[in-house]
Amino acid sequence: MAKLLRFGVAMEDSLLREFDKYIRRKGYRNRSEAIRDLARDAIVREAWEQEKGEVIAAVALVYDHEKRGLADLLTDLQHHAFNMIVSTLHVHLDERHCLEVIVLRGKSSSVRKFADNLLAIKGVLHGGVVATGVPSAEKTSTS
């Protein structure tokens, strides 16, 4: 395990009270765990936004499978991006609608472009992207 370093944090009492409420709602055991998670989240988000390094993303989309040619188009696009696709999950929601979850791994710019292209297809009713990754500090501390 990586060496833990202690440091002090100063904040207004009202902000600290709100933060303590937040960590109780989220189920953290202490402030340190919450601060570590917030720091990791900021680092991963910055990598995604600034297109730095490799990211992992899950693209979830709901579509109407009766829309002519849509299922074939989605499959074809995935075959062309096979090098980024880690896994897919297909769920039949009802007689007409499907949920597709596609896990992608690669350069942020490539993953973002592919996800945006999928979500913009006519017939995709709703969707979103959750981007994540291993913060660079974690990569070096666990090696």
N, C-alpha and C. Protein backbone atom coordinates (compact mmCIF):
# COMPACT_ATOMS: atom_id res chain seq x y z
N MET A 1 0.84 -1.18 0.00
CA MET A 1 0.00 0.00 0.00
C MET A 1 0.88 1.24 0.00
N ALA A 2 0.38 2.28 -0.60
CA ALA A 2 1.12 3.53 -0.68
C ALA A 2 1.24 4.19 0.70
N LYS A 3 2.28 4.94 0.86
CA LYS A 3 2.52 5.66 2.11
C LYS A 3 1.48 6.79 2.23
N LEU A 4 0.85 6.88 3.38
CA LEU A 4 -0.11 7.95 3.64
C LEU A 4 0.60 9.13 4.26
N LEU A 5 0.29 10.31 3.76
CA LEU A 5 0.86 11.55 4.30
C LEU A 5 -0.27 12.36 4.92
N ARG A 6 0.02 12.99 6.02
CA ARG A 6 -0.97 13.84 6.69
C ARG A 6 -0.73 15.29 6.30
N PHE A 7 -1.84 16.04 6.16
CA PHE A 7 -1.75 17.47 5.92
C PHE A 7 -2.98 18.12 6.55
N GLY A 8 -2.90 19.39 6.80
CA GLY A 8 -4.01 20.12 7.40
C GLY A 8 -4.86 20.79 6.34
N VAL A 9 -6.13 20.88 6.63
CA VAL A 9 -7.05 21.58 5.74
C VAL A 9 -7.83 22.57 6.59
N ALA A 10 -7.87 23.80 6.16
CA ALA A 10 -8.65 24.82 6.87
C ALA A 10 -9.86 25.18 6.02
N MET A 11 -11.02 25.27 6.67
CA MET A 11 -12.23 25.69 5.96
C MET A 11 -13.20 26.32 6.94
N GLU A 12 -14.11 27.10 6.39
CA GLU A 12 -15.11 27.77 7.21
C GLU A 12 -15.93 26.72 7.96
N ASP A 13 -16.38 27.08 9.17
CA ASP A 13 -17.14 26.11 9.96
C ASP A 13 -18.44 25.70 9.27
N SER A 14 -19.09 26.62 8.57
CA SER A 14 -20.34 26.26 7.88
C SER A 14 -20.08 25.26 6.75
N LEU A 15 -18.96 25.45 6.05
CA LEU A 15 -18.61 24.50 4.99
C LEU A 15 -18.27 23.14 5.58
N LEU A 16 -17.54 23.13 6.68
CA LEU A 16 -17.19 21.87 7.34
C LEU A 16 -18.44 21.14 7.83
N ARG A 17 -19.41 21.86 8.37
CA ARG A 17 -20.66 21.22 8.80
C ARG A 17 -21.38 20.58 7.62
N GLU A 18 -21.43 21.29 6.50
CA GLU A 18 -22.06 20.73 5.29
C GLU A 18 -21.29 19.52 4.78
N PHE A 19 -19.96 19.60 4.83
CA PHE A 19 -19.13 18.49 4.39
C PHE A 19 -19.36 17.27 5.28
N ASP A 20 -19.44 17.48 6.58
CA ASP A 20 -19.71 16.37 7.50
C ASP A 20 -21.07 15.73 7.23
N LYS A 21 -22.06 16.54 6.90
CA LYS A 21 -23.38 15.99 6.52
C LYS A 21 -23.24 15.15 5.25
N TYR A 22 -22.49 15.67 4.30
CA TYR A 22 -22.26 14.96 3.03
C TYR A 22 -21.61 13.59 3.28
N ILE A 23 -20.56 13.57 4.10
CA ILE A 23 -19.86 12.30 4.30
C ILE A 23 -20.73 11.30 5.07
N ARG A 24 -21.60 11.78 5.95
CA ARG A 24 -22.54 10.87 6.63
C ARG A 24 -23.55 10.30 5.63
N ARG A 25 -24.10 11.17 4.76
CA ARG A 25 -25.07 10.71 3.74
C ARG A 25 -24.44 9.67 2.82
N LYS A 26 -23.20 9.87 2.46
CA LYS A 26 -22.51 8.97 1.52
C LYS A 26 -21.95 7.73 2.20
N GLY A 27 -21.91 7.74 3.53
CA GLY A 27 -21.47 6.55 4.25
C GLY A 27 -19.96 6.45 4.46
N TYR A 28 -19.25 7.55 4.34
CA TYR A 28 -17.81 7.52 4.59
C TYR A 28 -17.56 7.33 6.08
N ARG A 29 -16.47 6.65 6.40
CA ARG A 29 -16.10 6.44 7.80
C ARG A 29 -15.43 7.67 8.40
N ASN A 30 -14.78 8.46 7.54
CA ASN A 30 -14.10 9.64 8.06
C ASN A 30 -13.86 10.65 6.94
N ARG A 31 -13.40 11.82 7.31
CA ARG A 31 -13.17 12.90 6.34
C ARG A 31 -12.07 12.54 5.35
N SER A 32 -11.04 11.84 5.82
CA SER A 32 -9.93 11.50 4.94
C SER A 32 -10.38 10.68 3.74
N GLU A 33 -11.23 9.68 3.99
CA GLU A 33 -11.72 8.86 2.88
C GLU A 33 -12.51 9.70 1.88
N ALA A 34 -13.34 10.60 2.38
CA ALA A 34 -14.13 11.46 1.51
C ALA A 34 -13.24 12.38 0.68
N ILE A 35 -12.24 12.97 1.33
CA ILE A 35 -11.34 13.88 0.62
C ILE A 35 -10.56 13.12 -0.46
N ARG A 36 -10.10 11.90 -0.15
CA ARG A 36 -9.37 11.11 -1.15
C ARG A 36 -10.26 10.85 -2.37
N ASP A 37 -11.52 10.46 -2.12
CA ASP A 37 -12.43 10.20 -3.25
C ASP A 37 -12.70 11.45 -4.07
N LEU A 38 -12.88 12.58 -3.40
CA LEU A 38 -13.10 13.83 -4.13
C LEU A 38 -11.88 14.21 -4.97
N ALA A 39 -10.69 13.99 -4.43
CA ALA A 39 -9.46 14.28 -5.18
C ALA A 39 -9.35 13.37 -6.40
N ARG A 40 -9.61 12.06 -6.23
CA ARG A 40 -9.56 11.14 -7.37
C ARG A 40 -10.56 11.54 -8.44
N ASP A 41 -11.77 11.90 -8.01
CA ASP A 41 -12.80 12.30 -8.96
C ASP A 41 -12.37 13.52 -9.76
N ALA A 42 -11.78 14.49 -9.10
CA ALA A 42 -11.31 15.70 -9.79
C ALA A 42 -10.21 15.37 -10.80
N ILE A 43 -9.31 14.48 -10.43
CA ILE A 43 -8.21 14.10 -11.32
C ILE A 43 -8.73 13.35 -12.55
N VAL A 44 -9.64 12.42 -12.34
CA VAL A 44 -10.21 11.66 -13.46
C VAL A 44 -11.02 12.59 -14.37
N ARG A 45 -11.82 13.46 -13.77
CA ARG A 45 -12.63 14.40 -14.56
C ARG A 45 -11.75 15.31 -15.41
N GLU A 46 -10.64 15.77 -14.82
CA GLU A 46 -9.73 16.64 -15.57
C GLU A 46 -9.11 15.89 -16.74
N ALA A 47 -8.72 14.64 -16.53
CA ALA A 47 -8.15 13.84 -17.63
C ALA A 47 -9.17 13.70 -18.76
N TRP A 48 -10.43 13.49 -18.41
CA TRP A 48 -11.50 13.36 -19.42
C TRP A 48 -11.70 14.68 -20.15
N GLU A 49 -11.78 15.77 -19.40
CA GLU A 49 -12.04 17.08 -20.01
C GLU A 49 -10.86 17.59 -20.82
N GLN A 50 -9.66 17.33 -20.35
CA GLN A 50 -8.48 17.84 -21.05
C GLN A 50 -7.90 16.83 -22.02
N GLU A 51 -8.59 15.70 -22.14
CA GLU A 51 -8.18 14.65 -23.08
C GLU A 51 -6.75 14.20 -22.84
N LYS A 52 -6.46 13.92 -21.56
CA LYS A 52 -5.14 13.43 -21.19
C LYS A 52 -5.23 11.96 -20.83
N GLY A 53 -4.41 11.15 -21.45
CA GLY A 53 -4.28 9.75 -21.06
C GLY A 53 -5.47 8.88 -21.41
N GLU A 54 -5.43 7.68 -20.85
CA GLU A 54 -6.45 6.67 -21.12
C GLU A 54 -7.61 6.82 -20.14
N VAL A 55 -8.80 6.62 -20.64
CA VAL A 55 -9.98 6.64 -19.79
C VAL A 55 -10.79 5.38 -20.02
N ILE A 56 -11.65 5.11 -19.08
CA ILE A 56 -12.65 4.06 -19.18
C ILE A 56 -13.99 4.78 -19.15
N ALA A 57 -14.90 4.38 -20.01
CA ALA A 57 -16.22 5.01 -20.02
C ALA A 57 -17.28 3.96 -20.29
N ALA A 58 -18.43 4.17 -19.68
CA ALA A 58 -19.59 3.34 -19.97
C ALA A 58 -20.60 4.22 -20.67
N VAL A 59 -21.00 3.81 -21.85
CA VAL A 59 -22.02 4.52 -22.61
C VAL A 59 -23.30 3.71 -22.51
N ALA A 60 -24.34 4.33 -21.99
CA ALA A 60 -25.63 3.65 -21.90
C ALA A 60 -26.59 4.37 -22.83
N LEU A 61 -27.30 3.59 -23.63
CA LEU A 61 -28.26 4.20 -24.52
C LEU A 61 -29.51 3.33 -24.64
N VAL A 62 -30.64 4.00 -24.72
CA VAL A 62 -31.92 3.34 -24.92
C VAL A 62 -32.36 3.67 -26.33
N TYR A 63 -32.77 2.64 -27.05
CA TYR A 63 -33.19 2.89 -28.43
C TYR A 63 -34.38 2.01 -28.79
N ASP A 64 -35.02 2.42 -29.87
CA ASP A 64 -36.17 1.72 -30.41
C ASP A 64 -35.66 0.73 -31.45
N HIS A 65 -35.70 -0.57 -31.14
CA HIS A 65 -35.13 -1.55 -32.05
C HIS A 65 -35.98 -1.74 -33.31
N GLU A 66 -37.18 -1.18 -33.31
CA GLU A 66 -38.02 -1.27 -34.51
C GLU A 66 -37.69 -0.17 -35.52
N LYS A 67 -36.85 0.76 -35.14
CA LYS A 67 -36.41 1.81 -36.07
C LYS A 67 -35.55 1.14 -37.13
N ARG A 68 -35.98 1.22 -38.35
CA ARG A 68 -35.36 0.52 -39.48
C ARG A 68 -33.85 0.76 -39.56
N GLY A 69 -33.10 -0.32 -39.49
CA GLY A 69 -31.65 -0.27 -39.68
C GLY A 69 -30.85 0.19 -38.47
N LEU A 70 -31.51 0.61 -37.39
CA LEU A 70 -30.79 1.16 -36.25
C LEU A 70 -29.92 0.12 -35.54
N ALA A 71 -30.48 -1.04 -35.25
CA ALA A 71 -29.70 -2.08 -34.56
C ALA A 71 -28.47 -2.47 -35.39
N ASP A 72 -28.65 -2.60 -36.70
CA ASP A 72 -27.53 -2.94 -37.57
C ASP A 72 -26.47 -1.83 -37.57
N LEU A 73 -26.92 -0.59 -37.56
CA LEU A 73 -25.98 0.54 -37.55
C LEU A 73 -25.19 0.56 -36.24
N LEU A 74 -25.86 0.37 -35.12
CA LEU A 74 -25.17 0.34 -33.84
C LEU A 74 -24.14 -0.78 -33.79
N THR A 75 -24.52 -1.95 -34.28
CA THR A 75 -23.58 -3.08 -34.32
C THR A 75 -22.41 -2.80 -35.23
N ASP A 76 -22.68 -2.23 -36.39
CA ASP A 76 -21.62 -1.92 -37.35
C ASP A 76 -20.63 -0.91 -36.76
N LEU A 77 -21.15 0.13 -36.11
CA LEU A 77 -20.26 1.12 -35.50
C LEU A 77 -19.38 0.49 -34.42
N GLN A 78 -19.96 -0.43 -33.65
CA GLN A 78 -19.18 -1.10 -32.61
C GLN A 78 -18.09 -1.98 -33.21
N HIS A 79 -18.39 -2.63 -34.32
CA HIS A 79 -17.36 -3.45 -34.96
C HIS A 79 -16.20 -2.60 -35.47
N HIS A 80 -16.49 -1.39 -35.91
CA HIS A 80 -15.43 -0.51 -36.38
C HIS A 80 -14.61 0.08 -35.23
N ALA A 81 -15.14 0.00 -34.01
CA ALA A 81 -14.43 0.52 -32.85
C ALA A 81 -14.04 -0.61 -31.90
N PHE A 82 -13.88 -1.81 -32.43
CA PHE A 82 -13.62 -2.98 -31.59
C PHE A 82 -12.40 -2.81 -30.70
N ASN A 83 -11.41 -2.04 -31.13
CA ASN A 83 -10.19 -1.86 -30.34
C ASN A 83 -10.43 -1.04 -29.07
N MET A 84 -11.54 -0.30 -29.00
CA MET A 84 -11.87 0.47 -27.80
C MET A 84 -12.87 -0.26 -26.91
N ILE A 85 -13.59 -1.20 -27.46
CA ILE A 85 -14.69 -1.82 -26.72
C ILE A 85 -14.18 -2.96 -25.85
N VAL A 86 -14.48 -2.83 -24.56
CA VAL A 86 -14.10 -3.84 -23.58
C VAL A 86 -15.22 -4.86 -23.42
N SER A 87 -16.45 -4.35 -23.38
CA SER A 87 -17.59 -5.23 -23.17
C SER A 87 -18.87 -4.51 -23.58
N THR A 88 -19.90 -5.28 -23.86
CA THR A 88 -21.21 -4.72 -24.12
C THR A 88 -22.26 -5.52 -23.37
N LEU A 89 -23.34 -4.86 -23.06
CA LEU A 89 -24.48 -5.49 -22.41
C LEU A 89 -25.72 -5.04 -23.16
N HIS A 90 -26.56 -5.99 -23.52
CA HIS A 90 -27.79 -5.68 -24.24
C HIS A 90 -28.96 -6.18 -23.41
N VAL A 91 -29.92 -5.29 -23.14
CA VAL A 91 -31.07 -5.63 -22.32
C VAL A 91 -32.34 -5.29 -23.09
N HIS A 92 -33.27 -6.23 -23.15
CA HIS A 92 -34.56 -5.99 -23.77
C HIS A 92 -35.47 -5.39 -22.70
N LEU A 93 -35.84 -4.12 -22.86
CA LEU A 93 -36.64 -3.43 -21.86
C LEU A 93 -38.13 -3.75 -21.99
N ASP A 94 -38.57 -3.87 -23.20
CA ASP A 94 -39.95 -4.27 -23.49
C ASP A 94 -39.97 -4.79 -24.92
N GLU A 95 -41.13 -4.92 -25.50
CA GLU A 95 -41.22 -5.48 -26.85
C GLU A 95 -40.56 -4.61 -27.91
N ARG A 96 -40.33 -3.36 -27.60
CA ARG A 96 -39.83 -2.43 -28.61
C ARG A 96 -38.50 -1.76 -28.26
N HIS A 97 -38.19 -1.62 -26.99
CA HIS A 97 -37.03 -0.83 -26.58
C HIS A 97 -35.92 -1.68 -25.99
N CYS A 98 -34.69 -1.25 -26.26
CA CYS A 98 -33.50 -1.94 -25.78
C CYS A 98 -32.58 -0.95 -25.06
N LEU A 99 -31.86 -1.49 -24.11
CA LEU A 99 -30.79 -0.75 -23.43
C LEU A 99 -29.48 -1.40 -23.85
N GLU A 100 -28.56 -0.59 -24.29
CA GLU A 100 -27.23 -1.06 -24.65
C GLU A 100 -26.24 -0.32 -23.76
N VAL A 101 -25.36 -1.06 -23.10
CA VAL A 101 -24.29 -0.47 -22.30
C VAL A 101 -22.99 -0.94 -22.92
N ILE A 102 -22.16 0.01 -23.30
CA ILE A 102 -20.91 -0.30 -23.97
C ILE A 102 -19.77 0.26 -23.12
N VAL A 103 -18.87 -0.60 -22.71
CA VAL A 103 -17.72 -0.17 -21.92
C VAL A 103 -16.56 0.05 -22.88
N LEU A 104 -16.00 1.24 -22.82
CA LEU A 104 -14.93 1.65 -23.72
C LEU A 104 -13.66 1.96 -22.94
N ARG A 105 -12.54 1.73 -23.61
CA ARG A 105 -11.25 2.06 -23.01
C ARG A 105 -10.35 2.60 -24.10
N GLY A 106 -9.74 3.76 -23.83
CA GLY A 106 -8.84 4.33 -24.83
C GLY A 106 -8.54 5.78 -24.54
N LYS A 107 -8.00 6.46 -25.55
CA LYS A 107 -7.72 7.88 -25.42
C LYS A 107 -9.02 8.62 -25.22
N SER A 108 -8.98 9.60 -24.35
CA SER A 108 -10.18 10.35 -24.02
C SER A 108 -10.86 10.91 -25.26
N SER A 109 -10.10 11.49 -26.17
CA SER A 109 -10.69 12.10 -27.36
C SER A 109 -11.40 11.06 -28.23
N SER A 110 -10.81 9.88 -28.38
CA SER A 110 -11.42 8.83 -29.20
C SER A 110 -12.68 8.27 -28.54
N VAL A 111 -12.60 8.04 -27.24
CA VAL A 111 -13.75 7.51 -26.50
C VAL A 111 -14.89 8.52 -26.54
N ARG A 112 -14.57 9.78 -26.29
CA ARG A 112 -15.60 10.82 -26.30
C ARG A 112 -16.27 10.93 -27.69
N LYS A 113 -15.47 10.92 -28.73
CA LYS A 113 -16.02 11.04 -30.09
C LYS A 113 -16.94 9.86 -30.41
N PHE A 114 -16.49 8.66 -30.08
CA PHE A 114 -17.32 7.47 -30.36
C PHE A 114 -18.62 7.53 -29.57
N ALA A 115 -18.54 7.88 -28.28
CA ALA A 115 -19.74 7.96 -27.44
C ALA A 115 -20.70 9.02 -27.97
N ASP A 116 -20.18 10.18 -28.32
CA ASP A 116 -21.03 11.24 -28.86
C ASP A 116 -21.71 10.80 -30.16
N ASN A 117 -20.96 10.12 -31.01
CA ASN A 117 -21.54 9.64 -32.27
C ASN A 117 -22.67 8.65 -32.02
N LEU A 118 -22.49 7.75 -31.07
CA LEU A 118 -23.55 6.79 -30.75
C LEU A 118 -24.80 7.50 -30.25
N LEU A 119 -24.63 8.42 -29.34
CA LEU A 119 -25.76 9.08 -28.71
C LEU A 119 -26.50 10.02 -29.67
N ALA A 120 -25.84 10.45 -30.73
CA ALA A 120 -26.46 11.37 -31.69
C ALA A 120 -27.25 10.67 -32.79
N ILE A 121 -27.20 9.35 -32.84
CA ILE A 121 -27.88 8.61 -33.90
C ILE A 121 -29.39 8.75 -33.77
N LYS A 122 -30.03 9.01 -34.88
CA LYS A 122 -31.50 9.11 -34.89
C LYS A 122 -32.08 7.75 -34.49
N GLY A 123 -32.98 7.78 -33.52
CA GLY A 123 -33.56 6.55 -33.00
C GLY A 123 -33.05 6.19 -31.62
N VAL A 124 -31.91 6.79 -31.24
CA VAL A 124 -31.44 6.65 -29.87
C VAL A 124 -32.27 7.63 -29.06
N LEU A 125 -33.04 7.10 -28.11
CA LEU A 125 -34.00 7.91 -27.39
C LEU A 125 -33.40 8.65 -26.19
N HIS A 126 -32.43 8.02 -25.56
CA HIS A 126 -31.81 8.63 -24.40
C HIS A 126 -30.50 7.91 -24.13
N GLY A 127 -29.58 8.62 -23.51
CA GLY A 127 -28.33 7.97 -23.16
C GLY A 127 -27.42 8.90 -22.40
N GLY A 128 -26.30 8.35 -21.99
CA GLY A 128 -25.33 9.14 -21.27
C GLY A 128 -24.01 8.41 -21.18
N VAL A 129 -23.01 9.14 -20.70
CA VAL A 129 -21.66 8.61 -20.59
C VAL A 129 -21.17 8.81 -19.16
N VAL A 130 -20.60 7.77 -18.60
CA VAL A 130 -19.93 7.88 -17.32
C VAL A 130 -18.47 7.57 -17.59
N ALA A 131 -17.63 8.56 -17.41
CA ALA A 131 -16.19 8.39 -17.66
C ALA A 131 -15.48 8.20 -16.34
N THR A 132 -14.52 7.31 -16.35
CA THR A 132 -13.73 7.06 -15.15
C THR A 132 -12.34 6.64 -15.57
N GLY A 133 -11.56 6.24 -14.63
CA GLY A 133 -10.20 5.80 -14.91
C GLY A 133 -9.44 5.69 -13.60
N VAL A 134 -8.22 5.28 -13.70
CA VAL A 134 -7.37 5.20 -12.53
C VAL A 134 -6.54 6.48 -12.50
N PRO A 135 -6.72 7.29 -11.46
CA PRO A 135 -5.93 8.53 -11.39
C PRO A 135 -4.44 8.22 -11.47
N SER A 136 -3.69 9.07 -12.13
CA SER A 136 -2.26 8.82 -12.35
C SER A 136 -1.52 8.60 -11.04
N ALA A 137 -1.90 9.28 -9.98
CA ALA A 137 -1.22 9.09 -8.69
C ALA A 137 -1.43 7.68 -8.16
N GLU A 138 -2.57 7.09 -8.43
CA GLU A 138 -2.87 5.72 -7.98
C GLU A 138 -2.06 4.71 -8.77
N LYS A 139 -1.83 4.99 -10.04
CA LYS A 139 -1.07 4.07 -10.88
C LYS A 139 0.35 3.91 -10.34
N THR A 140 0.95 5.02 -9.94
CA THR A 140 2.34 4.94 -9.47
C THR A 140 2.43 4.42 -8.05
N SER A 141 1.39 4.64 -7.22
CA SER A 141 1.48 4.23 -5.83
C SER A 141 1.25 2.74 -5.63
N THR A 142 0.58 2.07 -6.57
CA THR A 142 0.29 0.65 -6.41
C THR A 142 1.25 -0.22 -7.20
N SER A 143 2.15 0.39 -7.94
CA SER A 143 3.09 -0.40 -8.75
C SER A 143 4.16 -1.00 -7.90
